[in-house]
Amino acid sequence: SHPLLGKKILNGKGFDSNILAATLQHHERSDGSG
């Protein structure tokens, strides 16, 4: 659950969209297994 919790903490605080995406998606994998 930590990627979702991290995105929630950073949301609405002025962080770049790439930083928000990396926080949410760093456990995603190109083959869909993440």
PDB file of all heavy atoms in Angstrom:
ATOM      1  N   SER A   1       0.810  -1.221   0.000  1.00  0.00           N
ATOM      2  CA  SER A   1       0.000   0.000   0.000  1.00  0.00           C
ATOM      3  C   SER A   1       0.840   1.266   0.000  1.00  0.00           C
ATOM      4  O   SER A   1       0.312   2.365  -0.176  1.00  0.00           O
ATOM      5  CB  SER A   1      -0.937   0.007   1.219  1.00  0.00           C
ATOM      6  OG  SER A   1      -0.193   0.185   2.427  1.00  0.00           O
ATOM      7  N   HIS A   2       2.185   1.139   0.184  1.00  0.00           N
ATOM      8  CA  HIS A   2       2.984   2.354   0.366  1.00  0.00           C
ATOM      9  C   HIS A   2       3.023   3.283  -0.853  1.00  0.00           C
ATOM     10  O   HIS A   2       3.101   4.499  -0.672  1.00  0.00           O
ATOM     11  CB  HIS A   2       4.404   2.012   0.860  1.00  0.00           C
ATOM     12  CG  HIS A   2       5.328   1.487  -0.176  1.00  0.00           C
ATOM     13  ND1 HIS A   2       5.477   0.143  -0.426  1.00  0.00           N
ATOM     14  CD2 HIS A   2       6.183   2.111  -1.036  1.00  0.00           C
ATOM     15  CE1 HIS A   2       6.376  -0.036  -1.379  1.00  0.00           C
ATOM     16  NE2 HIS A   2       6.814   1.140  -1.770  1.00  0.00           N
ATOM     17  N   PRO A   3       2.948   2.795  -2.102  1.00  0.00           N
ATOM     18  CA  PRO A   3       2.893   3.753  -3.213  1.00  0.00           C
ATOM     19  C   PRO A   3       1.636   4.628  -3.166  1.00  0.00           C
ATOM     20  O   PRO A   3       1.710   5.844  -3.424  1.00  0.00           O
ATOM     21  CB  PRO A   3       2.900   2.856  -4.454  1.00  0.00           C
ATOM     22  CG  PRO A   3       3.546   1.588  -4.013  1.00  0.00           C
ATOM     23  CD  PRO A   3       3.078   1.399  -2.608  1.00  0.00           C
ATOM     24  N   LEU A   4       0.494   4.042  -2.849  1.00  0.00           N
ATOM     25  CA  LEU A   4      -0.745   4.823  -2.757  1.00  0.00           C
ATOM     26  C   LEU A   4      -0.691   5.797  -1.584  1.00  0.00           C
ATOM     27  O   LEU A   4      -1.125   6.955  -1.696  1.00  0.00           O
ATOM     28  CB  LEU A   4      -1.938   3.869  -2.594  1.00  0.00           C
ATOM     29  CG  LEU A   4      -2.298   3.045  -3.840  1.00  0.00           C
ATOM     30  CD1 LEU A   4      -3.253   1.915  -3.467  1.00  0.00           C
ATOM     31  CD2 LEU A   4      -2.920   3.936  -4.907  1.00  0.00           C
ATOM     32  N   LEU A   5      -0.114   5.337  -0.460  1.00  0.00           N
ATOM     33  CA  LEU A   5       0.022   6.226   0.707  1.00  0.00           C
ATOM     34  C   LEU A   5       0.947   7.397   0.381  1.00  0.00           C
ATOM     35  O   LEU A   5       0.683   8.538   0.770  1.00  0.00           O
ATOM     36  CB  LEU A   5       0.574   5.437   1.897  1.00  0.00           C
ATOM     37  CG  LEU A   5      -0.340   4.358   2.495  1.00  0.00           C
ATOM     38  CD1 LEU A   5       0.419   3.524   3.512  1.00  0.00           C
ATOM     39  CD2 LEU A   5      -1.562   5.008   3.135  1.00  0.00           C
ATOM     40  N   GLY A   6       2.035   7.113  -0.351  1.00  0.00           N
ATOM     41  CA  GLY A   6       2.973   8.166  -0.716  1.00  0.00           C
ATOM     42  C   GLY A   6       2.351   9.197  -1.631  1.00  0.00           C
ATOM     43  O   GLY A   6       2.520  10.422  -1.446  1.00  0.00           O
ATOM     44  N   LYS A   7       1.616   8.738  -2.630  1.00  0.00           N
ATOM     45  CA  LYS A   7       0.935   9.672  -3.547  1.00  0.00           C
ATOM     46  C   LYS A   7      -0.043  10.548  -2.781  1.00  0.00           C
ATOM     47  O   LYS A   7      -0.167  11.752  -3.028  1.00  0.00           O
ATOM     48  CB  LYS A   7       0.212   8.856  -4.626  1.00  0.00           C
ATOM     49  CG  LYS A   7      -0.666   9.682  -5.568  1.00  0.00           C
ATOM     50  CD  LYS A   7       0.153  10.405  -6.611  1.00  0.00           C
ATOM     51  CE  LYS A   7      -0.711  11.215  -7.578  1.00  0.00           C
ATOM     52  NZ  LYS A   7      -1.831  10.494  -8.159  1.00  0.00           N
ATOM     53  N   LYS A   8      -0.734   9.954  -1.818  1.00  0.00           N
ATOM     54  CA  LYS A   8      -1.699  10.710  -1.013  1.00  0.00           C
ATOM     55  C   LYS A   8      -1.009  11.799  -0.205  1.00  0.00           C
ATOM     56  O   LYS A   8      -1.522  12.920  -0.084  1.00  0.00           O
ATOM     57  CB  LYS A   8      -2.447   9.750  -0.095  1.00  0.00           C
ATOM     58  CG  LYS A   8      -3.550  10.397   0.727  1.00  0.00           C
ATOM     59  CD  LYS A   8      -4.280   9.359   1.576  1.00  0.00           C
ATOM     60  CE  LYS A   8      -5.374  10.019   2.404  1.00  0.00           C
ATOM     61  NZ  LYS A   8      -6.095   9.012   3.257  1.00  0.00           N
ATOM     62  N   ILE A   9       0.173  11.497   0.350  1.00  0.00           N
ATOM     63  CA  ILE A   9       0.908  12.486   1.149  1.00  0.00           C
ATOM     64  C   ILE A   9       1.350  13.672   0.287  1.00  0.00           C
ATOM     65  O   ILE A   9       1.278  14.835   0.702  1.00  0.00           O
ATOM     66  CB  ILE A   9       2.133  11.836   1.813  1.00  0.00           C
ATOM     67  CG1 ILE A   9       1.708  10.823   2.863  1.00  0.00           C
ATOM     68  CG2 ILE A   9       3.048  12.899   2.445  1.00  0.00           C
ATOM     69  CD1 ILE A   9       2.846   9.967   3.404  1.00  0.00           C
ATOM     70  N   LEU A  10       1.785  13.386  -0.943  1.00  0.00           N
ATOM     71  CA  LEU A  10       2.351  14.434  -1.804  1.00  0.00           C
ATOM     72  C   LEU A  10       1.301  15.202  -2.594  1.00  0.00           C
ATOM     73  O   LEU A  10       1.567  16.316  -3.067  1.00  0.00           O
ATOM     74  CB  LEU A  10       3.359  13.816  -2.784  1.00  0.00           C
ATOM     75  CG  LEU A  10       4.599  13.149  -2.175  1.00  0.00           C
ATOM     76  CD1 LEU A  10       5.479  12.574  -3.277  1.00  0.00           C
ATOM     77  CD2 LEU A  10       5.393  14.131  -1.326  1.00  0.00           C
ATOM     78  N   ASN A  11       0.133  14.626  -2.770  1.00  0.00           N
ATOM     79  CA  ASN A  11      -0.910  15.255  -3.592  1.00  0.00           C
ATOM     80  C   ASN A  11      -1.261  16.663  -3.114  1.00  0.00           C
ATOM     81  O   ASN A  11      -1.366  16.915  -1.918  1.00  0.00           O
ATOM     82  CB  ASN A  11      -2.193  14.400  -3.564  1.00  0.00           C
ATOM     83  CG  ASN A  11      -2.398  13.655  -4.859  1.00  0.00           C
ATOM     84  OD1 ASN A  11      -1.768  13.964  -5.868  1.00  0.00           O
ATOM     85  ND2 ASN A  11      -3.286  12.670  -4.854  1.00  0.00           N
ATOM     86  N   GLY A  12      -1.431  17.565  -4.086  1.00  0.00           N
ATOM     87  CA  GLY A  12      -1.898  18.914  -3.784  1.00  0.00           C
ATOM     88  C   GLY A  12      -0.894  19.801  -3.099  1.00  0.00           C
ATOM     89  O   GLY A  12      -1.263  20.858  -2.557  1.00  0.00           O
ATOM     90  N   LYS A  13       0.400  19.422  -3.114  1.00  0.00           N
ATOM     91  CA  LYS A  13       1.411  20.223  -2.420  1.00  0.00           C
ATOM     92  C   LYS A  13       2.428  20.839  -3.376  1.00  0.00           C
ATOM     93  O   LYS A  13       3.490  21.283  -2.950  1.00  0.00           O
ATOM     94  CB  LYS A  13       2.123  19.364  -1.368  1.00  0.00           C
ATOM     95  CG  LYS A  13       1.174  18.917  -0.247  1.00  0.00           C
ATOM     96  CD  LYS A  13       1.882  18.150   0.850  1.00  0.00           C
ATOM     97  CE  LYS A  13       0.903  17.814   1.967  1.00  0.00           C
ATOM     98  NZ  LYS A  13       1.537  17.042   3.061  1.00  0.00           N
ATOM     99  N   GLY A  14       2.106  20.833  -4.666  1.00  0.00           N
ATOM    100  CA  GLY A  14       2.953  21.537  -5.626  1.00  0.00           C
ATOM    101  C   GLY A  14       4.092  20.728  -6.206  1.00  0.00           C
ATOM    102  O   GLY A  14       4.965  21.296  -6.881  1.00  0.00           O
ATOM    103  N   PHE A  15       4.116  19.425  -6.002  1.00  0.00           N
ATOM    104  CA  PHE A  15       5.192  18.606  -6.557  1.00  0.00           C
ATOM    105  C   PHE A  15       4.930  18.304  -8.026  1.00  0.00           C
ATOM    106  O   PHE A  15       3.781  18.149  -8.452  1.00  0.00           O
ATOM    107  CB  PHE A  15       5.334  17.294  -5.768  1.00  0.00           C
ATOM    108  CG  PHE A  15       5.897  17.479  -4.394  1.00  0.00           C
ATOM    109  CD1 PHE A  15       5.057  17.544  -3.287  1.00  0.00           C
ATOM    110  CD2 PHE A  15       7.264  17.613  -4.203  1.00  0.00           C
ATOM    111  CE1 PHE A  15       5.574  17.725  -2.012  1.00  0.00           C
ATOM    112  CE2 PHE A  15       7.791  17.798  -2.928  1.00  0.00           C
ATOM    113  CZ  PHE A  15       6.947  17.853  -1.835  1.00  0.00           C
ATOM    114  N   ASP A  16       6.006  18.218  -8.805  1.00  0.00           N
ATOM    115  CA  ASP A  16       5.906  17.942 -10.228  1.00  0.00           C
ATOM    116  C   ASP A  16       5.183  16.617 -10.465  1.00  0.00           C
ATOM    117  O   ASP A  16       5.307  15.666  -9.682  1.00  0.00           O
ATOM    118  CB  ASP A  16       7.311  17.893 -10.831  1.00  0.00           C
ATOM    119  CG  ASP A  16       7.299  17.770 -12.332  1.00  0.00           C
ATOM    120  OD1 ASP A  16       7.262  16.625 -12.831  1.00  0.00           O
ATOM    121  OD2 ASP A  16       7.327  18.811 -13.004  1.00  0.00           O
ATOM    122  N   SER A  17       4.448  16.550 -11.582  1.00  0.00           N
ATOM    123  CA  SER A  17       3.665  15.349 -11.890  1.00  0.00           C
ATOM    124  C   SER A  17       4.544  14.115 -12.044  1.00  0.00           C
ATOM    125  O   SER A  17       4.130  12.996 -11.727  1.00  0.00           O
ATOM    126  CB  SER A  17       2.847  15.562 -13.160  1.00  0.00           C
ATOM    127  OG  SER A  17       3.700  15.833 -14.267  1.00  0.00           O
ATOM    128  N   ASN A  18       5.790  14.289 -12.523  1.00  0.00           N
ATOM    129  CA  ASN A  18       6.704  13.147 -12.669  1.00  0.00           C
ATOM    130  C   ASN A  18       7.087  12.563 -11.313  1.00  0.00           C
ATOM    131  O   ASN A  18       7.266  11.347 -11.174  1.00  0.00           O
ATOM    132  CB  ASN A  18       7.973  13.572 -13.420  1.00  0.00           C
ATOM    133  CG  ASN A  18       7.704  13.878 -14.872  1.00  0.00           C
ATOM    134  OD1 ASN A  18       6.980  13.158 -15.544  1.00  0.00           O
ATOM    135  ND2 ASN A  18       8.276  14.960 -15.368  1.00  0.00           N
ATOM    136  N   ILE A  19       7.225  13.437 -10.318  1.00  0.00           N
ATOM    137  CA  ILE A  19       7.559  12.979  -8.968  1.00  0.00           C
ATOM    138  C   ILE A  19       6.385  12.212  -8.371  1.00  0.00           C
ATOM    139  O   ILE A  19       6.562  11.150  -7.752  1.00  0.00           O
ATOM    140  CB  ILE A  19       7.946  14.180  -8.081  1.00  0.00           C
ATOM    141  CG1 ILE A  19       9.217  14.842  -8.627  1.00  0.00           C
ATOM    142  CG2 ILE A  19       8.141  13.753  -6.627  1.00  0.00           C
ATOM    143  CD1 ILE A  19       9.571  16.157  -7.965  1.00  0.00           C
ATOM    144  N   LEU A  20       5.170  12.715  -8.605  1.00  0.00           N
ATOM    145  CA  LEU A  20       3.980  12.016  -8.119  1.00  0.00           C
ATOM    146  C   LEU A  20       3.846  10.659  -8.806  1.00  0.00           C
ATOM    147  O   LEU A  20       3.531   9.651  -8.146  1.00  0.00           O
ATOM    148  CB  LEU A  20       2.734  12.865  -8.391  1.00  0.00           C
ATOM    149  CG  LEU A  20       2.657  14.225  -7.682  1.00  0.00           C
ATOM    150  CD1 LEU A  20       1.393  14.956  -8.093  1.00  0.00           C
ATOM    151  CD2 LEU A  20       2.689  14.049  -6.170  1.00  0.00           C
ATOM    152  N   ALA A  21       4.100  10.625 -10.115  1.00  0.00           N
ATOM    153  CA  ALA A  21       3.988   9.368 -10.855  1.00  0.00           C
ATOM    154  C   ALA A  21       5.020   8.349 -10.383  1.00  0.00           C
ATOM    155  O   ALA A  21       4.719   7.156 -10.238  1.00  0.00           O
ATOM    156  CB  ALA A  21       4.143   9.628 -12.356  1.00  0.00           C
ATOM    157  N   ALA A  22       6.255   8.804 -10.131  1.00  0.00           N
ATOM    158  CA  ALA A  22       7.311   7.891  -9.670  1.00  0.00           C
ATOM    159  C   ALA A  22       6.973   7.323  -8.299  1.00  0.00           C
ATOM    160  O   ALA A  22       7.225   6.140  -8.015  1.00  0.00           O
ATOM    161  CB  ALA A  22       8.651   8.618  -9.628  1.00  0.00           C
ATOM    162  N   THR A  23       6.392   8.149  -7.438  1.00  0.00           N
ATOM    163  CA  THR A  23       5.989   7.690  -6.104  1.00  0.00           C
ATOM    164  C   THR A  23       4.914   6.608  -6.205  1.00  0.00           C
ATOM    165  O   THR A  23       4.974   5.591  -5.502  1.00  0.00           O
ATOM    166  CB  THR A  23       5.467   8.878  -5.272  1.00  0.00           C
ATOM    167  OG1 THR A  23       6.492   9.881  -5.179  1.00  0.00           O
ATOM    168  CG2 THR A  23       5.071   8.434  -3.870  1.00  0.00           C
ATOM    169  N   LEU A  24       3.969   6.803  -7.117  1.00  0.00           N
ATOM    170  CA  LEU A  24       2.860   5.866  -7.261  1.00  0.00           C
ATOM    171  C   LEU A  24       3.238   4.614  -8.052  1.00  0.00           C
ATOM    172  O   LEU A  24       2.758   3.515  -7.766  1.00  0.00           O
ATOM    173  CB  LEU A  24       1.679   6.562  -7.953  1.00  0.00           C
ATOM    174  CG  LEU A  24       0.426   5.718  -8.206  1.00  0.00           C
ATOM    175  CD1 LEU A  24      -0.195   5.247  -6.891  1.00  0.00           C
ATOM    176  CD2 LEU A  24      -0.597   6.507  -9.025  1.00  0.00           C
ATOM    177  N   GLN A  25       4.143   4.755  -9.038  1.00  0.00           N
ATOM    178  CA  GLN A  25       4.338   3.688 -10.022  1.00  0.00           C
ATOM    179  C   GLN A  25       5.689   2.966  -9.950  1.00  0.00           C
ATOM    180  O   GLN A  25       5.966   2.121 -10.799  1.00  0.00           O
ATOM    181  CB  GLN A  25       4.180   4.265 -11.434  1.00  0.00           C
ATOM    182  CG  GLN A  25       2.830   4.872 -11.722  1.00  0.00           C
ATOM    183  CD  GLN A  25       2.776   5.528 -13.091  1.00  0.00           C
ATOM    184  OE1 GLN A  25       3.681   5.388 -13.916  1.00  0.00           O
ATOM    185  NE2 GLN A  25       1.703   6.266 -13.343  1.00  0.00           N
ATOM    186  N   HIS A  26       6.523   3.227  -8.947  1.00  0.00           N
ATOM    187  CA  HIS A  26       7.876   2.654  -8.981  1.00  0.00           C
ATOM    188  C   HIS A  26       7.900   1.134  -8.780  1.00  0.00           C
ATOM    189  O   HIS A  26       8.951   0.516  -8.965  1.00  0.00           O
ATOM    190  CB  HIS A  26       8.804   3.352  -7.974  1.00  0.00           C
ATOM    191  CG  HIS A  26       8.418   3.171  -6.534  1.00  0.00           C
ATOM    192  ND1 HIS A  26       7.474   3.951  -5.917  1.00  0.00           N
ATOM    193  CD2 HIS A  26       8.860   2.297  -5.586  1.00  0.00           C
ATOM    194  CE1 HIS A  26       7.343   3.579  -4.646  1.00  0.00           C
ATOM    195  NE2 HIS A  26       8.178   2.577  -4.418  1.00  0.00           N
ATOM    196  N   HIS A  27       6.753   0.529  -8.441  1.00  0.00           N
ATOM    197  CA  HIS A  27       6.678  -0.935  -8.371  1.00  0.00           C
ATOM    198  C   HIS A  27       5.890  -1.535  -9.542  1.00  0.00           C
ATOM    199  O   HIS A  27       5.637  -2.742  -9.556  1.00  0.00           O
ATOM    200  CB  HIS A  27       6.069  -1.389  -7.046  1.00  0.00           C
ATOM    201  CG  HIS A  27       7.027  -1.320  -5.893  1.00  0.00           C
ATOM    202  ND1 HIS A  27       8.104  -2.181  -5.754  1.00  0.00           N
ATOM    203  CD2 HIS A  27       7.090  -0.468  -4.837  1.00  0.00           C
ATOM    204  CE1 HIS A  27       8.780  -1.874  -4.657  1.00  0.00           C
ATOM    205  NE2 HIS A  27       8.193  -0.843  -4.078  1.00  0.00           N
ATOM    206  N   GLU A  28       5.524  -0.713 -10.507  1.00  0.00           N
ATOM    207  CA  GLU A  28       4.897  -1.224 -11.719  1.00  0.00           C
ATOM    208  C   GLU A  28       5.980  -1.835 -12.604  1.00  0.00           C
ATOM    209  O   GLU A  28       7.147  -1.433 -12.540  1.00  0.00           O
ATOM    210  CB  GLU A  28       4.166  -0.103 -12.476  1.00  0.00           C
ATOM    211  CG  GLU A  28       3.074   0.597 -11.684  1.00  0.00           C
ATOM    212  CD  GLU A  28       1.813  -0.253 -11.514  1.00  0.00           C
ATOM    213  OE1 GLU A  28       1.784  -1.402 -12.005  1.00  0.00           O
ATOM    214  OE2 GLU A  28       0.860   0.237 -10.882  1.00  0.00           O
ATOM    215  N   ARG A  29       5.613  -2.798 -13.438  1.00  0.00           N
ATOM    216  CA  ARG A  29       6.555  -3.456 -14.332  1.00  0.00           C
ATOM    217  C   ARG A  29       5.975  -3.513 -15.743  1.00  0.00           C
ATOM    218  O   ARG A  29       4.765  -3.664 -15.922  1.00  0.00           O
ATOM    219  CB  ARG A  29       6.862  -4.881 -13.846  1.00  0.00           C
ATOM    220  CG  ARG A  29       7.563  -4.925 -12.481  1.00  0.00           C
ATOM    221  CD  ARG A  29       8.950  -4.323 -12.527  1.00  0.00           C
ATOM    222  NE  ARG A  29       9.628  -4.366 -11.237  1.00  0.00           N
ATOM    223  CZ  ARG A  29       9.702  -3.343 -10.388  1.00  0.00           C
ATOM    224  NH1 ARG A  29       9.133  -2.174 -10.703  1.00  0.00           N
ATOM    225  NH2 ARG A  29      10.341  -3.465  -9.251  1.00  0.00           N
ATOM    226  N   SER A  30       6.842  -3.418 -16.735  1.00  0.00           N
ATOM    227  CA  SER A  30       6.401  -3.313 -18.132  1.00  0.00           C
ATOM    228  C   SER A  30       5.577  -4.507 -18.593  1.00  0.00           C
ATOM    229  O   SER A  30       4.802  -4.404 -19.542  1.00  0.00           O
ATOM    230  CB  SER A  30       7.613  -3.137 -19.057  1.00  0.00           C
ATOM    231  OG  SER A  30       8.226  -1.881 -18.840  1.00  0.00           O
ATOM    232  N   ASP A  31       5.743  -5.666 -17.947  1.00  0.00           N
ATOM    233  CA  ASP A  31       4.983  -6.853 -18.347  1.00  0.00           C
ATOM    234  C   ASP A  31       3.656  -6.966 -17.596  1.00  0.00           C
ATOM    235  O   ASP A  31       2.946  -7.960 -17.725  1.00  0.00           O
ATOM    236  CB  ASP A  31       5.813  -8.122 -18.137  1.00  0.00           C
ATOM    237  CG  ASP A  31       6.161  -8.360 -16.670  1.00  0.00           C
ATOM    238  OD1 ASP A  31       5.880  -7.483 -15.824  1.00  0.00           O
ATOM    239  OD2 ASP A  31       6.742  -9.421 -16.359  1.00  0.00           O
ATOM    240  N   GLY A  32       3.319  -5.949 -16.799  1.00  0.00           N
ATOM    241  CA  GLY A  32       2.052  -5.937 -16.078  1.00  0.00           C
ATOM    242  C   GLY A  32       2.070  -6.670 -14.750  1.00  0.00           C
ATOM    243  O   GLY A  32       1.028  -6.799 -14.099  1.00  0.00           O
ATOM    244  N   SER A  33       3.251  -7.137 -14.319  1.00  0.00           N
ATOM    245  CA  SER A  33       3.334  -7.937 -13.091  1.00  0.00           C
ATOM    246  C   SER A  33       3.494  -7.097 -11.825  1.00  0.00           C
ATOM    247  O   SER A  33       3.564  -7.650 -10.726  1.00  0.00           O
ATOM    248  CB  SER A  33       4.513  -8.916 -13.189  1.00  0.00           C
ATOM    249  OG  SER A  33       5.748  -8.206 -13.287  1.00  0.00           O
ATOM    250  N   GLY A  34       3.554  -5.789 -11.969  1.00  0.00           N
ATOM    251  CA  GLY A  34       3.798  -4.934 -10.800  1.00  0.00           C
ATOM    252  C   GLY A  34       2.525  -4.503 -10.095  1.00  0.00           C
ATOM    253  O   GLY A  34       1.428  -4.992 -10.360  1.00  0.00           O
TER     254      GLY A  34
END
